[in-house]
Amino acid sequence: MSLYIDSASRLQHDLEKNLVVTCPHCQAVAHITVSAVPRFEDLQLYRPKQVGIVYQCDACHAPIFLRYTVRMYGAARIELSPQFAEVERAREKFSFTYIPEDVELLFREALNCFSNNAFNAFASMCRRAAQAMFNDLGEAGRLRLFDELNAVRDLVSIAPEIFTKMKNVLFGAEFDARSAPPLLDGYEAGILLEVVKDLLYEAYVRKGKLEQAIMVRRFFLDETGTDNVTPLTSAS
C-alpha cells in the first residue's frame, strides 16, 4: 500500500476512501477526509521521524489528528508507514450496570488510561480492578475467572506470549504481591481490554441480566396468576 506526501504537499493514499476510525468527538465509526498536510519543504528541512496529518470526520466534521512514521525522505516524495497512531482516541465504552462500585471505580480509571494511550498505567489499573473482583467474589470466584481466562485463550487463539502477560497482569499479584505488571504495547493492551470486559461480563453482567429477567417473569406470574406469560421481546 502506497502512502506518501508529494512535492506539492498533497497526501497520496491508495486506500484514502476506505480510511475509517472511531471519531473521538461523536463516537461514530466514520470515514475521514484529509484536511491539512505539513508543507513538503518544511518536512525536507527538518526531517522529523513522525508526521502529523489533520483529517475531518465525515460524520460530525470535527478535526481528527493521526500520526505517521516516516519511512524515507526522497527528492520528490516522503514515504510514510501505512500504520498510524491516533493522537486523540475515542473513549472506550462499557456498561457498568450490575458492576460493584469499587470495581467500577477502578475499571473506569483503567479505561481513562487506555483512552490516553497510557497502556502500562492501564495494565496497573486492570490489576487493581481484578484484585477488587477477587475480593468481592472470593476464592471460588477467582478460580472461576482463572478458568474463564483459559477458556478465552482457547476460544480466540491468543498468542502464548500475550496470554502470559495478561495472566501476569490479572493474577500475578496473587502469587507475588510485590511483582509489577509486565510492560504492554498498544496492541497487547487492546487485547487485555477486551478480555477484562469479557471477564466482567461473566462475573457480574450475565448473572445480573438473568436475575432481572427472572424477577420480571416472577412479577408477571404473581400479577396474572398464570404461567402463560407474554415473551419480553418479540421474535425477529
C-alpha atoms as a PDB file:
ATOM      1  CA  MET A   1       0.000   0.000   0.000  1.00  0.00           C
ATOM      2  CA  SER A   2       1.433   3.360  -1.060  1.00  0.00           C
ATOM      3  CA  LEU A   3       1.264   6.330   1.305  1.00  0.00           C
ATOM      4  CA  TYR A   4       3.353   9.448   0.726  1.00  0.00           C
ATOM      5  CA  ILE A   5       3.426  13.236   0.652  1.00  0.00           C
ATOM      6  CA  ASP A   6       4.314  14.564  -2.806  1.00  0.00           C
ATOM      7  CA  SER A   7       6.311  17.669  -3.680  1.00  0.00           C
ATOM      8  CA  ALA A   8       3.076  19.708  -3.864  1.00  0.00           C
ATOM      9  CA  SER A   9       2.361  18.888  -0.179  1.00  0.00           C
ATOM     10  CA  ARG A  10      -0.517  16.563  -1.054  1.00  0.00           C
ATOM     11  CA  LEU A  11      -1.099  13.269   0.723  1.00  0.00           C
ATOM     12  CA  GLN A  12      -1.313  10.382  -1.740  1.00  0.00           C
ATOM     13  CA  HIS A  13      -3.015   7.332  -0.230  1.00  0.00           C
ATOM     14  CA  ASP A  14      -4.213   4.256  -2.148  1.00  0.00           C
ATOM     15  CA  LEU A  15      -6.905   3.486   0.433  1.00  0.00           C
ATOM     16  CA  GLU A  16      -7.871   7.037   1.393  1.00  0.00           C
ATOM     17  CA  LYS A  17     -11.577   6.485   0.594  1.00  0.00           C
ATOM     18  CA  ASN A  18     -11.623   3.406   2.827  1.00  0.00           C
ATOM     19  CA  LEU A  19      -9.996   5.011   5.874  1.00  0.00           C
ATOM     20  CA  VAL A  20     -12.350   4.569   8.850  1.00  0.00           C
ATOM     21  CA  VAL A  21     -11.841   5.349  12.540  1.00  0.00           C
ATOM     22  CA  THR A  22     -13.980   5.775  15.633  1.00  0.00           C
ATOM     23  CA  CYS A  23     -14.357   9.528  15.988  1.00  0.00           C
ATOM     24  CA  PRO A  24     -13.197  10.737  19.445  1.00  0.00           C
ATOM     25  CA  HIS A  25     -15.785  13.545  19.305  1.00  0.00           C
ATOM     26  CA  CYS A  26     -19.061  11.995  18.079  1.00  0.00           C
ATOM     27  CA  GLN A  27     -18.084   8.333  18.801  1.00  0.00           C
ATOM     28  CA  ALA A  28     -19.301   7.322  15.324  1.00  0.00           C
ATOM     29  CA  VAL A  29     -17.376   4.807  13.233  1.00  0.00           C
ATOM     30  CA  ALA A  30     -16.925   7.058  10.210  1.00  0.00           C
ATOM     31  CA  HIS A  31     -14.815   7.767   7.151  1.00  0.00           C
ATOM     32  CA  ILE A  32     -12.326  10.596   7.485  1.00  0.00           C
ATOM     33  CA  THR A  33     -11.100  13.078   4.869  1.00  0.00           C
ATOM     34  CA  VAL A  34      -7.715  14.795   4.696  1.00  0.00           C
ATOM     35  CA  SER A  35      -7.932  18.387   5.922  1.00  0.00           C
ATOM     36  CA  ALA A  36      -4.331  19.582   6.391  1.00  0.00           C
ATOM     37  CA  VAL A  37      -0.897  18.194   5.436  1.00  0.00           C
ATOM     38  CA  PRO A  38       2.502  19.608   6.512  1.00  0.00           C
ATOM     39  CA  ARG A  39       4.420  21.536   3.838  1.00  0.00           C
ATOM     40  CA  PHE A  40       6.770  19.330   1.840  1.00  0.00           C
ATOM     41  CA  GLU A  41       9.552  21.935   2.079  1.00  0.00           C
ATOM     42  CA  ASP A  42       9.302  22.117   5.883  1.00  0.00           C
ATOM     43  CA  LEU A  43       9.443  18.357   6.225  1.00  0.00           C
ATOM     44  CA  GLN A  44      12.503  18.168   3.962  1.00  0.00           C
ATOM     45  CA  LEU A  45      14.176  20.893   6.008  1.00  0.00           C
ATOM     46  CA  TYR A  46      13.560  19.485   9.494  1.00  0.00           C
ATOM     47  CA  ARG A  47      13.145  15.775   8.607  1.00  0.00           C
ATOM     48  CA  PRO A  48      11.080  14.687  11.626  1.00  0.00           C
ATOM     49  CA  LYS A  49      10.781  10.970  12.302  1.00  0.00           C
ATOM     50  CA  GLN A  50       6.988  11.278  12.560  1.00  0.00           C
ATOM     51  CA  VAL A  51       4.463  13.374  10.641  1.00  0.00           C
ATOM     52  CA  GLY A  52       1.036  14.559  11.797  1.00  0.00           C
ATOM     53  CA  ILE A  53      -1.919  14.752   9.404  1.00  0.00           C
ATOM     54  CA  VAL A  54      -5.207  16.517  10.178  1.00  0.00           C
ATOM     55  CA  TYR A  55      -8.363  14.766   8.973  1.00  0.00           C
ATOM     56  CA  GLN A  56     -12.040  15.687   9.189  1.00  0.00           C
ATOM     57  CA  CYS A  57     -14.695  13.293  10.468  1.00  0.00           C
ATOM     58  CA  ASP A  58     -17.297  12.806   7.727  1.00  0.00           C
ATOM     59  CA  ALA A  59     -19.999  12.366  10.384  1.00  0.00           C
ATOM     60  CA  CYS A  60     -19.518  15.426  12.623  1.00  0.00           C
ATOM     61  CA  HIS A  61     -16.830  17.375  10.692  1.00  0.00           C
ATOM     62  CA  ALA A  62     -14.600  17.666  13.773  1.00  0.00           C
ATOM     63  CA  PRO A  63     -10.794  17.515  13.321  1.00  0.00           C
ATOM     64  CA  ILE A  64      -9.025  14.198  13.880  1.00  0.00           C
ATOM     65  CA  PHE A  65      -5.249  14.017  14.239  1.00  0.00           C
ATOM     66  CA  LEU A  66      -3.268  10.979  13.067  1.00  0.00           C
ATOM     67  CA  ARG A  67       0.480  10.470  13.408  1.00  0.00           C
ATOM     68  CA  TYR A  68       2.533   8.505  10.853  1.00  0.00           C
ATOM     69  CA  THR A  69       6.135   7.290  10.976  1.00  0.00           C
ATOM     70  CA  VAL A  70       8.347   8.447   8.102  1.00  0.00           C
ATOM     71  CA  ARG A  71       9.862   5.597   6.119  1.00  0.00           C
ATOM     72  CA  MET A  72      12.011   7.586   3.677  1.00  0.00           C
ATOM     73  CA  TYR A  73      12.764  11.112   2.545  1.00  0.00           C
ATOM     74  CA  GLY A  74      13.046  11.179  -1.243  1.00  0.00           C
ATOM     75  CA  ALA A  75      13.724  14.029  -3.635  1.00  0.00           C
ATOM     76  CA  ALA A  76      10.104  14.226  -4.820  1.00  0.00           C
ATOM     77  CA  ARG A  77       8.155  12.358  -2.140  1.00  0.00           C
ATOM     78  CA  ILE A  78       8.178  11.488   1.541  1.00  0.00           C
ATOM     79  CA  GLU A  79       7.176   7.881   2.177  1.00  0.00           C
ATOM     80  CA  LEU A  80       5.051   7.202   5.274  1.00  0.00           C
ATOM     81  CA  SER A  81       4.231   3.977   7.085  1.00  0.00           C
ATOM     82  CA  PRO A  82       0.601   2.931   6.495  1.00  0.00           C
ATOM     83  CA  GLN A  83       0.167   2.297  10.238  1.00  0.00           C
ATOM     84  CA  PHE A  84      -0.904   5.348  12.196  1.00  0.00           C
ATOM     85  CA  ALA A  85      -1.339   6.388  15.812  1.00  0.00           C
ATOM     86  CA  GLU A  86      -4.463   8.236  16.890  1.00  0.00           C
ATOM     87  CA  VAL A  87      -3.353  11.325  18.827  1.00  0.00           C
ATOM     88  CA  GLU A  88      -6.777  11.570  20.433  1.00  0.00           C
ATOM     89  CA  ARG A  89      -8.539   8.252  20.907  1.00  0.00           C
ATOM     90  CA  ALA A  90     -12.272   7.728  21.253  1.00  0.00           C
ATOM     91  CA  ARG A  91     -13.182   6.937  24.851  1.00  0.00           C
ATOM     92  CA  GLU A  92     -13.844   3.267  25.446  1.00  0.00           C
ATOM     93  CA  LYS A  93     -17.425   2.460  26.446  1.00  0.00           C
ATOM     94  CA  PHE A  94     -18.616  -0.121  28.939  1.00  0.00           C
ATOM     95  CA  SER A  95     -21.962  -0.506  30.702  1.00  0.00           C
ATOM     96  CA  PHE A  96     -21.371  -0.629  34.450  1.00  0.00           C
ATOM     97  CA  THR A  97     -24.843  -1.853  35.338  1.00  0.00           C
ATOM     98  CA  TYR A  98     -24.509  -4.766  37.798  1.00  0.00           C
ATOM     99  CA  ILE A  99     -20.803  -3.969  38.476  1.00  0.00           C
ATOM    100  CA  PRO A 100     -19.869  -3.364  42.170  1.00  0.00           C
ATOM    101  CA  GLU A 101     -18.962   0.224  42.976  1.00  0.00           C
ATOM    102  CA  ASP A 102     -15.316  -0.384  43.904  1.00  0.00           C
ATOM    103  CA  VAL A 103     -14.699  -2.478  40.771  1.00  0.00           C
ATOM    104  CA  GLU A 104     -16.424   0.172  38.650  1.00  0.00           C
ATOM    105  CA  LEU A 105     -14.258   2.959  40.077  1.00  0.00           C
ATOM    106  CA  LEU A 106     -11.009   1.142  39.280  1.00  0.00           C
ATOM    107  CA  PHE A 107     -12.018  -0.050  35.816  1.00  0.00           C
ATOM    108  CA  ARG A 108     -13.263   3.435  34.858  1.00  0.00           C
ATOM    109  CA  GLU A 109      -9.794   4.736  35.659  1.00  0.00           C
ATOM    110  CA  ALA A 110      -8.312   1.887  33.602  1.00  0.00           C
ATOM    111  CA  LEU A 111     -10.445   2.942  30.625  1.00  0.00           C
ATOM    112  CA  ASN A 112      -9.275   6.535  31.020  1.00  0.00           C
ATOM    113  CA  CYS A 113      -5.657   5.356  30.958  1.00  0.00           C
ATOM    114  CA  PHE A 114      -6.282   3.310  27.816  1.00  0.00           C
ATOM    115  CA  SER A 115      -8.021   6.200  26.026  1.00  0.00           C
ATOM    116  CA  ASN A 116      -4.980   8.377  26.742  1.00  0.00           C
ATOM    117  CA  ASN A 117      -2.516   5.769  25.412  1.00  0.00           C
ATOM    118  CA  ALA A 118      -1.101   5.195  28.917  1.00  0.00           C
ATOM    119  CA  PHE A 119      -1.030   1.458  28.351  1.00  0.00           C
ATOM    120  CA  ASN A 120       1.142   0.460  31.293  1.00  0.00           C
ATOM    121  CA  ALA A 121      -0.892   2.607  33.682  1.00  0.00           C
ATOM    122  CA  PHE A 122      -3.887   0.805  32.137  1.00  0.00           C
ATOM    123  CA  ALA A 123      -2.319  -2.560  32.991  1.00  0.00           C
ATOM    124  CA  SER A 124      -1.741  -1.454  36.591  1.00  0.00           C
ATOM    125  CA  MET A 125      -5.358  -0.323  36.944  1.00  0.00           C
ATOM    126  CA  CYS A 126      -6.578  -3.598  35.412  1.00  0.00           C
ATOM    127  CA  ARG A 127      -4.620  -5.466  38.092  1.00  0.00           C
ATOM    128  CA  ARG A 128      -6.245  -3.353  40.814  1.00  0.00           C
ATOM    129  CA  ALA A 129      -9.690  -3.914  39.283  1.00  0.00           C
ATOM    130  CA  ALA A 130      -9.019  -7.660  39.162  1.00  0.00           C
ATOM    131  CA  GLN A 131      -7.968  -7.640  42.819  1.00  0.00           C
ATOM    132  CA  ALA A 132     -11.224  -5.862  43.708  1.00  0.00           C
ATOM    133  CA  MET A 133     -13.154  -8.524  41.769  1.00  0.00           C
ATOM    134  CA  PHE A 134     -11.364 -11.339  43.606  1.00  0.00           C
ATOM    135  CA  ASN A 135     -12.058  -9.708  46.971  1.00  0.00           C
ATOM    136  CA  ASP A 136     -15.729  -9.415  46.077  1.00  0.00           C
ATOM    137  CA  LEU A 137     -16.179 -12.886  44.555  1.00  0.00           C
ATOM    138  CA  GLY A 138     -13.999 -14.856  46.960  1.00  0.00           C
ATOM    139  CA  GLU A 139     -11.673 -17.746  46.217  1.00  0.00           C
ATOM    140  CA  ALA A 140     -14.283 -19.710  44.267  1.00  0.00           C
ATOM    141  CA  GLY A 141     -14.938 -16.691  42.064  1.00  0.00           C
ATOM    142  CA  ARG A 142     -11.230 -16.129  41.478  1.00  0.00           C
ATOM    143  CA  LEU A 143     -10.741 -19.724  40.370  1.00  0.00           C
ATOM    144  CA  ARG A 144     -13.784 -19.467  38.100  1.00  0.00           C
ATOM    145  CA  LEU A 145     -12.345 -16.350  36.426  1.00  0.00           C
ATOM    146  CA  PHE A 146      -8.971 -18.056  36.027  1.00  0.00           C
ATOM    147  CA  ASP A 147     -10.718 -20.909  34.214  1.00  0.00           C
ATOM    148  CA  GLU A 148     -12.615 -18.354  32.134  1.00  0.00           C
ATOM    149  CA  LEU A 149      -9.340 -16.682  31.131  1.00  0.00           C
ATOM    150  CA  ASN A 150      -8.010 -20.021  29.908  1.00  0.00           C
ATOM    151  CA  ALA A 151     -11.248 -20.604  28.011  1.00  0.00           C
ATOM    152  CA  VAL A 152     -10.886 -17.221  26.273  1.00  0.00           C
ATOM    153  CA  ARG A 153      -7.347 -18.144  25.218  1.00  0.00           C
ATOM    154  CA  ASP A 154      -8.606 -21.315  23.547  1.00  0.00           C
ATOM    155  CA  LEU A 155     -11.658 -19.579  22.071  1.00  0.00           C
ATOM    156  CA  VAL A 156      -9.826 -16.837  20.180  1.00  0.00           C
ATOM    157  CA  SER A 157      -6.305 -18.320  19.941  1.00  0.00           C
ATOM    158  CA  ILE A 158      -4.413 -15.628  21.846  1.00  0.00           C
ATOM    159  CA  ALA A 159      -0.662 -15.803  21.226  1.00  0.00           C
ATOM    160  CA  PRO A 160       1.173 -17.547  24.120  1.00  0.00           C
ATOM    161  CA  GLU A 161       3.417 -14.572  24.941  1.00  0.00           C
ATOM    162  CA  ILE A 162       0.445 -12.186  25.085  1.00  0.00           C
ATOM    163  CA  PHE A 163      -1.579 -14.623  27.190  1.00  0.00           C
ATOM    164  CA  THR A 164       1.313 -14.949  29.642  1.00  0.00           C
ATOM    165  CA  LYS A 165       1.408 -11.162  30.026  1.00  0.00           C
ATOM    166  CA  MET A 166      -2.361 -10.973  30.570  1.00  0.00           C
ATOM    167  CA  LYS A 167      -2.263 -13.720  33.180  1.00  0.00           C
ATOM    168  CA  ASN A 168       0.561 -11.893  34.936  1.00  0.00           C
ATOM    169  CA  VAL A 169      -1.346  -8.586  34.876  1.00  0.00           C
ATOM    170  CA  LEU A 170      -4.575 -10.038  36.258  1.00  0.00           C
ATOM    171  CA  PHE A 171      -3.364 -12.838  38.526  1.00  0.00           C
ATOM    172  CA  GLY A 172       0.332 -12.071  39.141  1.00  0.00           C
ATOM    173  CA  ALA A 173      -0.272 -10.316  42.441  1.00  0.00           C
ATOM    174  CA  GLU A 174      -1.966 -13.475  43.732  1.00  0.00           C
ATOM    175  CA  PHE A 175       1.399 -15.236  43.578  1.00  0.00           C
ATOM    176  CA  ASP A 176       3.721 -12.317  44.369  1.00  0.00           C
ATOM    177  CA  ALA A 177       2.213  -9.082  45.663  1.00  0.00           C
ATOM    178  CA  ARG A 178       5.495  -7.237  45.002  1.00  0.00           C
ATOM    179  CA  SER A 179       5.664  -8.123  41.299  1.00  0.00           C
ATOM    180  CA  ALA A 180       4.890  -5.308  38.869  1.00  0.00           C
ATOM    181  CA  PRO A 181       2.647  -5.916  35.838  1.00  0.00           C
ATOM    182  CA  PRO A 182       4.596  -6.559  32.600  1.00  0.00           C
ATOM    183  CA  LEU A 183       5.011  -3.758  30.072  1.00  0.00           C
ATOM    184  CA  LEU A 184       2.389  -3.704  27.296  1.00  0.00           C
ATOM    185  CA  ASP A 185       2.259  -2.081  23.874  1.00  0.00           C
ATOM    186  CA  GLY A 186      -0.943  -0.721  22.344  1.00  0.00           C
ATOM    187  CA  TYR A 187      -1.908  -3.987  20.645  1.00  0.00           C
ATOM    188  CA  GLU A 188      -1.397  -6.067  23.778  1.00  0.00           C
ATOM    189  CA  ALA A 189      -3.306  -3.526  25.866  1.00  0.00           C
ATOM    190  CA  GLY A 190      -6.197  -3.660  23.388  1.00  0.00           C
ATOM    191  CA  ILE A 191      -6.437  -7.438  23.748  1.00  0.00           C
ATOM    192  CA  LEU A 192      -6.266  -7.147  27.545  1.00  0.00           C
ATOM    193  CA  LEU A 193      -9.079  -4.584  27.440  1.00  0.00           C
ATOM    194  CA  GLU A 194     -11.411  -6.917  25.555  1.00  0.00           C
ATOM    195  CA  VAL A 195     -10.542  -9.841  27.834  1.00  0.00           C
ATOM    196  CA  VAL A 196     -11.230  -7.838  31.016  1.00  0.00           C
ATOM    197  CA  LYS A 197     -14.564  -6.699  29.568  1.00  0.00           C
ATOM    198  CA  ASP A 198     -15.430 -10.349  28.948  1.00  0.00           C
ATOM    199  CA  LEU A 199     -14.424 -11.348  32.486  1.00  0.00           C
ATOM    200  CA  LEU A 200     -16.546  -8.571  33.972  1.00  0.00           C
ATOM    201  CA  TYR A 201     -19.481  -9.709  31.857  1.00  0.00           C
ATOM    202  CA  GLU A 202     -19.113 -13.293  33.018  1.00  0.00           C
ATOM    203  CA  ALA A 203     -18.594 -12.309  36.659  1.00  0.00           C
ATOM    204  CA  TYR A 204     -21.425  -9.795  37.029  1.00  0.00           C
ATOM    205  CA  VAL A 205     -23.389  -8.717  33.952  1.00  0.00           C
ATOM    206  CA  ARG A 206     -24.564 -12.146  32.814  1.00  0.00           C
ATOM    207  CA  LYS A 207     -25.768 -13.044  36.301  1.00  0.00           C
ATOM    208  CA  GLY A 208     -27.430  -9.634  36.783  1.00  0.00           C
ATOM    209  CA  LYS A 209     -29.324  -9.816  33.498  1.00  0.00           C
ATOM    210  CA  LEU A 210     -30.569 -13.318  34.228  1.00  0.00           C
ATOM    211  CA  GLU A 211     -31.669 -12.376  37.745  1.00  0.00           C
ATOM    212  CA  GLN A 212     -33.509  -9.327  36.429  1.00  0.00           C
ATOM    213  CA  ALA A 213     -35.251 -11.327  33.693  1.00  0.00           C
ATOM    214  CA  ILE A 214     -36.328 -13.992  36.199  1.00  0.00           C
ATOM    215  CA  MET A 215     -37.581 -11.313  38.591  1.00  0.00           C
ATOM    216  CA  VAL A 216     -39.698  -9.768  35.810  1.00  0.00           C
ATOM    217  CA  ARG A 217     -41.095 -13.179  34.898  1.00  0.00           C
ATOM    218  CA  ARG A 218     -41.977 -13.816  38.537  1.00  0.00           C
ATOM    219  CA  PHE A 219     -43.674 -10.409  38.790  1.00  0.00           C
ATOM    220  CA  PHE A 220     -45.934 -11.121  35.815  1.00  0.00           C
ATOM    221  CA  LEU A 221     -46.677 -14.587  37.171  1.00  0.00           C
ATOM    222  CA  ASP A 222     -47.761 -13.118  40.526  1.00  0.00           C
ATOM    223  CA  GLU A 223     -49.867 -10.452  38.781  1.00  0.00           C
ATOM    224  CA  THR A 224     -51.691 -12.776  36.370  1.00  0.00           C
ATOM    225  CA  GLY A 225     -51.790 -15.949  38.413  1.00  0.00           C
ATOM    226  CA  THR A 226     -50.799 -17.954  35.362  1.00  0.00           C
ATOM    227  CA  ASP A 227     -47.577 -19.157  33.844  1.00  0.00           C
ATOM    228  CA  ASN A 228     -48.751 -18.148  30.359  1.00  0.00           C
ATOM    229  CA  VAL A 229     -46.511 -15.079  30.222  1.00  0.00           C
ATOM    230  CA  THR A 230     -46.036 -12.979  27.107  1.00  0.00           C
ATOM    231  CA  PRO A 231     -42.388 -13.017  25.973  1.00  0.00           C
ATOM    232  CA  LEU A 232     -40.408  -9.942  26.979  1.00  0.00           C
ATOM    233  CA  THR A 233     -39.120  -9.458  23.440  1.00  0.00           C
ATOM    234  CA  SER A 234     -40.804 -10.236  20.164  1.00  0.00           C
ATOM    235  CA  ALA A 235     -39.282 -12.794  17.824  1.00  0.00           C
ATOM    236  CA  SER A 236     -37.326 -11.286  14.951  1.00  0.00           C
END
